[in-house]
Amino acid sequence: MKSVAILGASGYTGRELARLLARHPSLRLAGAFSAREGDPGTAPELPGDLAVEPLDWKRIAACDGVFLCTPHAASAALARQVLALGPQVVDLSADFRLPEAALYERVYEHRHPAPELLSEAPYGLTELARAAVRAARLVANPGCYPTATLLALKPLVEAGLVDTSRTIVVDAKSGVSGAGKNPSARTHFGASHENFLAYGVDGHRHAPEIRLHAGAPELVFVPHLLPVFRGILATIYVHPCPGADAASLRACLAERYAGERFVRVFDRGQPELNRVQATNECHVALAQQGPVVVLTSAIDNLGKGASGQALQNMNLMLGLDEAAGLS
């Protein structure tokens, strides 16, 4: 058995990781810790909930891997400390998703806390970066909206089937758990129940991440808040290159993901949230509408969009079965 720890374990992604690790055949959760020095931790709120312990660097140093479920700006410094102690790290924050410190500073409006680590952190979209993830000691876990978008879009751009000189529109909807555990005036039950809205319409932090990793600079991203707890559905509108259509784009994705355990390309029908919730799966479909090909992609934002993909990456980094704990 190998051992792992979770830093910042009180939020949704930390709790989801603990749930997945409880059934993992080869990984033991050695500790679920607060990420703040001097924090006394928290007792379980309800029976079966996760107890969060005070930060204990000695126990962390004894682990094989560490998950950082911490906010951007806090994660980078923690990653530096953990790596110095020896464990491998999967960072679920945004701190290593953008490979240039200057771009990170423009998007997140503060200096990068550990710029020297940026060049060694592969972008952990597992199916599209498997070799780099396997060889890494630090992996940047992608954002949830980017995961749903890029799994459908990136292979098509790389194959030269999408006209990236024309605007690509990503219209994506997420459950309220994507906003994190701390309640707000927008995400509490009374505001989200029987409601639906767009947000970040004038620019969202995930947009530069999607544009960069898709290789599509002319991309518009608009997120929406769904009145559900978990799940993302992204609808992506692209102009295929001359000679390409929905059938050829579907064939490209089917070939790219043939044999993959967590990505399913539909021959017919459309993805639905209730088919991917509480899984590490991504379901993708394509349809032609005049000159535009419409891609639809569904994931669980806490699963494939966060904790599930983080565990998939850690499995690879530690030489384990990639799907262990996720089936």
Protein backbone atom coordinates (compact mmCIF):
# COMPACT_ATOMS: atom_id res chain seq x y z
CA MET A 1 0.00 0.00 0.00
CA LYS A 2 1.15 3.52 -0.81
CA SER A 3 -0.01 6.46 1.32
CA VAL A 4 -1.33 9.89 0.41
CA ALA A 5 -2.47 12.99 2.26
CA ILE A 6 -5.00 15.69 1.46
CA LEU A 7 -4.19 19.32 2.29
CA GLY A 8 -7.21 21.60 2.44
CA ALA A 9 -9.47 18.66 3.16
CA SER A 10 -12.57 20.48 4.39
CA GLY A 11 -13.95 21.50 0.98
CA TYR A 12 -15.95 19.57 -1.59
CA THR A 13 -12.93 18.32 -3.54
CA GLY A 14 -11.16 17.10 -0.40
CA ARG A 15 -14.25 15.27 0.78
CA GLU A 16 -14.72 13.72 -2.67
CA LEU A 17 -11.11 12.53 -2.68
CA ALA A 18 -11.57 10.95 0.75
CA ARG A 19 -14.66 9.15 -0.55
CA LEU A 20 -12.73 7.78 -3.54
CA LEU A 21 -9.70 6.79 -1.48
CA ALA A 22 -11.87 4.83 0.96
CA ARG A 23 -12.42 2.22 -1.75
CA HIS A 24 -8.96 2.39 -3.35
CA PRO A 25 -7.22 -1.00 -3.39
CA SER A 26 -3.66 0.37 -3.33
CA LEU A 27 -3.73 3.82 -1.70
CA ARG A 28 -4.24 4.60 1.98
CA LEU A 29 -5.35 8.03 3.16
CA ALA A 30 -2.72 8.80 5.78
CA GLY A 31 -4.17 12.16 6.77
CA ALA A 32 -6.71 14.81 5.84
CA PHE A 33 -5.17 18.09 6.94
CA SER A 34 -5.93 21.76 7.15
CA ALA A 35 -3.60 23.72 4.90
CA ARG A 36 -3.16 26.57 7.39
CA GLU A 37 -0.40 26.62 9.99
CA GLY A 38 -1.87 26.71 13.49
CA ASP A 39 -5.37 25.72 12.38
CA PRO A 40 -6.71 23.24 14.94
CA GLY A 41 -8.68 21.33 12.31
CA THR A 42 -12.34 20.45 12.53
CA ALA A 43 -14.30 17.54 13.91
CA PRO A 44 -16.84 15.82 11.66
CA GLU A 45 -20.02 17.85 11.28
CA LEU A 46 -22.13 14.73 10.75
CA PRO A 47 -21.60 10.99 11.28
CA GLY A 48 -19.40 9.72 8.45
CA ASP A 49 -17.98 13.15 7.61
CA LEU A 50 -14.27 13.72 7.29
CA ALA A 51 -12.30 14.87 10.34
CA VAL A 52 -9.77 17.52 9.29
CA GLU A 53 -6.56 17.44 11.33
CA PRO A 54 -4.05 20.19 12.07
CA LEU A 55 -1.23 20.50 9.56
CA ASP A 56 1.46 17.90 10.36
CA TRP A 57 4.54 18.16 8.14
CA LYS A 58 6.19 15.08 9.64
CA ARG A 59 3.27 12.85 8.62
CA ILE A 60 3.07 14.54 5.22
CA ALA A 61 6.77 13.85 4.61
CA ALA A 62 6.13 10.13 5.16
CA CYS A 63 3.55 10.01 2.36
CA ASP A 64 4.11 8.98 -1.24
CA GLY A 65 1.75 11.62 -2.64
CA VAL A 66 -0.15 14.74 -1.60
CA PHE A 67 -3.29 16.32 -3.03
CA LEU A 68 -3.53 20.09 -2.69
CA CYS A 69 -7.21 21.03 -2.42
CA THR A 70 -6.33 24.62 -1.67
CA PRO A 71 -7.12 28.00 -3.28
CA HIS A 72 -4.98 29.55 -5.97
CA ALA A 73 -2.17 31.65 -4.48
CA ALA A 74 -2.00 29.32 -1.47
CA SER A 75 -1.25 26.11 -3.39
CA ALA A 76 2.02 27.10 -5.06
CA ALA A 77 3.87 27.80 -1.83
CA LEU A 78 2.51 24.59 -0.29
CA ALA A 79 3.61 22.63 -3.38
CA ARG A 80 7.16 23.93 -2.92
CA GLN A 81 7.18 22.82 0.72
CA VAL A 82 5.73 19.38 0.02
CA LEU A 83 8.09 18.67 -2.89
CA ALA A 84 11.08 19.56 -0.70
CA LEU A 85 9.95 16.84 1.70
CA GLY A 86 9.74 14.19 -1.03
CA PRO A 87 6.08 13.36 -1.86
CA GLN A 88 4.68 13.84 -5.34
CA VAL A 89 1.97 16.46 -5.71
CA VAL A 90 -1.27 16.89 -7.62
CA ASP A 91 -2.46 20.48 -7.29
CA LEU A 92 -6.20 21.02 -7.75
CA SER A 93 -5.88 24.81 -7.73
CA ALA A 94 -5.15 27.06 -10.70
CA ASP A 95 -1.58 27.83 -9.65
CA PHE A 96 0.18 25.67 -12.24
CA ARG A 97 -2.39 25.49 -15.04
CA LEU A 98 -0.93 28.47 -16.91
CA PRO A 99 2.71 27.87 -17.86
CA GLU A 100 3.89 31.49 -17.77
CA ALA A 101 4.14 33.62 -14.63
CA ALA A 102 3.23 36.79 -16.53
CA LEU A 103 0.01 35.24 -17.88
CA TYR A 104 -0.87 33.92 -14.43
CA GLU A 105 -0.34 37.40 -12.98
CA ARG A 106 -2.64 38.98 -15.59
CA VAL A 107 -5.41 36.44 -15.01
CA TYR A 108 -5.22 36.11 -11.22
CA GLU A 109 -3.96 39.62 -10.47
CA HIS A 110 -1.05 38.74 -8.19
CA ARG A 111 2.51 37.49 -8.57
CA HIS A 112 3.05 33.76 -8.89
CA PRO A 113 4.33 32.37 -5.55
CA ALA A 114 6.57 29.65 -7.09
CA PRO A 115 7.43 30.51 -10.70
CA GLU A 116 10.42 28.16 -10.70
CA LEU A 117 8.02 25.18 -10.60
CA LEU A 118 5.88 26.18 -13.59
CA SER A 119 8.07 24.52 -16.21
CA GLU A 120 7.96 21.12 -14.54
CA ALA A 121 4.20 20.86 -13.95
CA PRO A 122 2.40 19.18 -16.88
CA TYR A 123 -1.23 20.07 -17.47
CA GLY A 124 -2.89 16.92 -16.21
CA LEU A 125 -5.65 16.29 -18.71
CA THR A 126 -4.86 12.63 -18.23
CA GLU A 127 -5.98 11.08 -21.51
CA LEU A 128 -4.07 13.73 -23.48
CA ALA A 129 -0.96 13.97 -21.27
CA ARG A 130 -0.43 10.47 -19.93
CA ALA A 131 3.33 10.17 -20.51
CA ALA A 132 4.08 13.60 -19.01
CA VAL A 133 1.91 12.89 -15.97
CA ARG A 134 3.54 9.51 -15.38
CA ALA A 135 6.99 11.11 -15.30
CA ALA A 136 6.07 14.16 -13.19
CA ARG A 137 6.53 14.92 -9.52
CA LEU A 138 4.08 17.87 -9.74
CA VAL A 139 0.90 17.90 -11.85
CA ALA A 140 -1.50 20.77 -12.48
CA ASN A 141 -5.00 19.34 -12.31
CA PRO A 142 -7.13 21.11 -14.96
CA GLY A 143 -10.17 23.21 -14.14
CA CYS A 144 -13.61 21.63 -14.38
CA TYR A 145 -14.93 23.75 -17.25
CA PRO A 146 -11.66 23.33 -19.20
CA THR A 147 -11.77 19.54 -18.72
CA ALA A 148 -15.28 19.26 -20.16
CA THR A 149 -14.34 21.54 -23.05
CA LEU A 150 -10.85 20.31 -23.88
CA LEU A 151 -11.61 16.59 -23.92
CA ALA A 152 -14.08 17.28 -26.72
CA LEU A 153 -12.28 20.09 -28.53
CA LYS A 154 -8.50 19.69 -28.21
CA PRO A 155 -8.05 16.50 -30.30
CA LEU A 156 -10.05 18.10 -33.15
CA VAL A 157 -7.88 21.23 -33.12
CA GLU A 158 -4.71 19.14 -33.02
CA ALA A 159 -5.96 17.10 -35.99
CA GLY A 160 -6.58 20.27 -38.01
CA LEU A 161 -10.31 19.64 -38.33
CA VAL A 162 -11.52 22.88 -36.68
CA ASP A 163 -11.09 26.34 -38.19
CA THR A 164 -9.47 28.17 -35.26
CA SER A 165 -9.46 31.47 -37.17
CA ARG A 166 -13.23 31.60 -36.66
CA THR A 167 -14.85 32.13 -33.28
CA ILE A 168 -15.45 29.01 -31.20
CA VAL A 169 -18.25 29.42 -28.67
CA VAL A 170 -18.27 27.41 -25.44
CA ASP A 171 -21.59 27.63 -23.61
CA ALA A 172 -21.13 25.70 -20.35
CA LYS A 173 -23.32 25.01 -17.33
CA SER A 174 -22.21 23.83 -13.89
CA GLY A 175 -23.81 22.72 -10.66
CA VAL A 176 -23.39 24.92 -7.60
CA SER A 177 -20.68 22.74 -6.04
CA GLY A 178 -18.33 24.28 -8.61
CA ALA A 179 -18.43 27.48 -6.58
CA GLY A 180 -16.96 25.73 -3.53
CA LYS A 181 -18.22 24.97 -0.06
CA ASN A 182 -18.47 28.51 1.33
CA PRO A 183 -22.00 29.83 0.73
CA SER A 184 -22.69 33.09 -1.06
CA ALA A 185 -25.70 35.21 -1.89
CA ARG A 186 -25.70 33.61 -5.35
CA THR A 187 -25.18 29.95 -4.44
CA HIS A 188 -27.32 29.33 -1.35
CA PHE A 189 -30.47 27.27 -1.86
CA GLY A 190 -32.90 30.16 -1.99
CA ALA A 191 -30.96 31.86 -4.79
CA SER A 192 -30.15 28.81 -6.92
CA HIS A 193 -33.31 26.71 -6.58
CA GLU A 194 -35.55 27.00 -9.66
CA ASN A 195 -33.15 29.58 -11.09
CA PHE A 196 -30.69 29.66 -13.98
CA LEU A 197 -28.23 32.36 -14.97
CA ALA A 198 -25.06 33.22 -16.85
CA TYR A 199 -22.11 34.73 -14.98
CA GLY A 200 -18.63 35.94 -15.87
CA VAL A 201 -20.03 36.97 -19.24
CA ASP A 202 -17.49 39.78 -19.61
CA GLY A 203 -14.61 37.38 -18.95
CA HIS A 204 -14.02 34.33 -16.75
CA ARG A 205 -10.74 33.04 -15.33
CA HIS A 206 -11.12 29.70 -17.07
CA ALA A 207 -11.22 31.31 -20.52
CA PRO A 208 -7.42 31.89 -20.88
CA GLU A 209 -6.80 28.32 -19.67
CA ILE A 210 -9.17 26.92 -22.30
CA ARG A 211 -7.82 29.09 -25.12
CA LEU A 212 -4.22 28.26 -24.31
CA HIS A 213 -4.57 24.49 -23.98
CA ALA A 214 -7.02 24.17 -26.87
CA GLY A 215 -4.81 26.19 -29.20
CA ALA A 216 -7.83 28.31 -30.07
CA PRO A 217 -7.27 32.03 -29.44
CA GLU A 218 -10.61 33.06 -30.97
CA LEU A 219 -12.72 31.32 -28.33
CA VAL A 220 -15.61 32.76 -26.33
CA PHE A 221 -16.47 31.06 -23.04
CA VAL A 222 -19.65 31.78 -21.09
CA PRO A 223 -20.39 29.81 -17.88
CA HIS A 224 -23.84 29.33 -16.34
CA LEU A 225 -25.06 28.23 -12.92
CA LEU A 226 -27.43 25.26 -12.90
CA PRO A 227 -29.83 24.59 -10.00
CA VAL A 228 -28.19 21.19 -9.36
CA PHE A 229 -25.39 20.20 -7.00
CA ARG A 230 -22.88 18.51 -9.31
CA GLY A 231 -22.20 18.14 -13.02
CA ILE A 232 -21.16 20.17 -16.07
CA LEU A 233 -22.60 20.22 -19.57
CA ALA A 234 -20.60 22.14 -22.18
CA THR A 235 -22.05 22.93 -25.61
CA ILE A 236 -19.31 23.91 -28.05
CA TYR A 237 -19.95 25.47 -31.46
CA VAL A 238 -17.18 25.13 -34.07
CA HIS A 239 -16.70 25.69 -37.79
CA PRO A 240 -15.05 22.62 -39.33
CA CYS A 241 -12.25 23.07 -41.84
CA PRO A 242 -13.12 22.57 -45.52
CA GLY A 243 -13.91 18.93 -46.22
CA ALA A 244 -14.67 18.13 -42.57
CA ASP A 245 -18.08 17.62 -40.99
CA ALA A 246 -19.66 16.16 -37.86
CA ALA A 247 -19.05 12.60 -39.06
CA SER A 248 -15.33 13.14 -39.62
CA LEU A 249 -14.97 15.00 -36.31
CA ARG A 250 -16.76 12.16 -34.52
CA ALA A 251 -14.49 9.61 -36.20
CA CYS A 252 -11.44 11.57 -34.99
CA LEU A 253 -12.63 11.56 -31.39
CA ALA A 254 -13.68 7.91 -31.53
CA GLU A 255 -10.21 6.95 -32.75
CA ARG A 256 -8.46 9.19 -30.22
CA TYR A 257 -10.37 7.76 -27.28
CA ALA A 258 -10.62 4.14 -28.43
CA GLY A 259 -9.87 1.95 -25.43
CA GLU A 260 -10.06 4.81 -22.94
CA ARG A 261 -11.92 3.83 -19.80
CA PHE A 262 -13.34 7.23 -18.92
CA VAL A 263 -14.17 8.96 -22.21
CA ARG A 264 -17.17 7.82 -24.25
CA VAL A 265 -17.93 9.22 -27.71
CA PHE A 266 -21.60 8.75 -28.62
CA ASP A 267 -22.74 7.40 -32.00
CA ARG A 268 -26.26 8.59 -31.23
CA GLY A 269 -28.08 10.46 -28.49
CA GLN A 270 -26.81 13.19 -26.20
CA PRO A 271 -24.91 13.28 -22.89
CA GLU A 272 -26.92 13.90 -19.73
CA LEU A 273 -25.76 15.00 -16.31
CA ASN A 274 -27.34 12.12 -14.44
CA ARG A 275 -25.23 9.65 -16.46
CA VAL A 276 -21.92 11.18 -15.35
CA GLN A 277 -22.65 12.41 -11.82
CA ALA A 278 -20.48 10.71 -9.17
CA THR A 279 -18.27 9.18 -11.91
CA ASN A 280 -14.92 9.96 -13.54
CA GLU A 281 -16.45 9.76 -17.02
CA CYS A 282 -16.75 12.26 -19.86
CA HIS A 283 -19.51 11.75 -22.43
CA VAL A 284 -19.20 13.48 -25.80
CA ALA A 285 -21.58 13.80 -28.76
CA LEU A 286 -21.48 15.71 -32.07
CA ALA A 287 -24.13 16.98 -34.48
CA GLN A 288 -24.19 19.05 -37.66
CA GLN A 289 -26.29 22.21 -37.82
CA GLY A 290 -25.75 23.95 -41.13
CA PRO A 291 -22.11 25.09 -41.37
CA VAL A 292 -21.56 24.56 -37.62
CA VAL A 293 -20.71 21.38 -35.75
CA VAL A 294 -22.13 21.27 -32.23
CA LEU A 295 -20.15 19.32 -29.62
CA THR A 296 -21.70 18.42 -26.28
CA SER A 297 -19.59 17.22 -23.38
CA ALA A 298 -20.71 16.18 -19.89
CA ILE A 299 -18.66 15.49 -16.78
CA ASP A 300 -19.06 15.60 -13.02
CA ASN A 301 -17.29 18.78 -11.89
CA LEU A 302 -16.22 17.10 -8.63
CA GLY A 303 -15.27 13.87 -10.42
CA LYS A 304 -13.55 14.12 -13.80
CA GLY A 305 -13.47 17.90 -13.30
CA ALA A 306 -11.56 17.76 -10.01
CA SER A 307 -11.04 14.89 -7.54
CA GLY A 308 -11.55 11.98 -9.92
CA GLN A 309 -9.05 13.31 -12.42
CA ALA A 310 -6.64 14.17 -9.59
CA LEU A 311 -6.77 10.56 -8.40
CA GLN A 312 -6.36 9.32 -11.98
CA ASN A 313 -3.21 11.44 -12.24
CA MET A 314 -1.84 10.36 -8.86
CA ASN A 315 -2.36 6.71 -9.79
CA LEU A 316 -0.16 7.23 -12.83
CA MET A 317 2.48 9.16 -10.89
CA LEU A 318 2.75 6.38 -8.29
CA GLY A 319 2.87 3.56 -10.86
CA LEU A 320 -0.60 2.22 -10.07
CA ASP A 321 -3.52 1.20 -12.26
CA GLU A 322 -4.83 4.48 -13.65
CA ALA A 323 -8.46 3.53 -12.94
CA ALA A 324 -7.88 2.25 -9.39
CA GLY A 325 -10.51 3.64 -7.00
CA LEU A 326 -12.46 5.15 -9.88
CA SER A 327 -14.39 2.29 -11.46
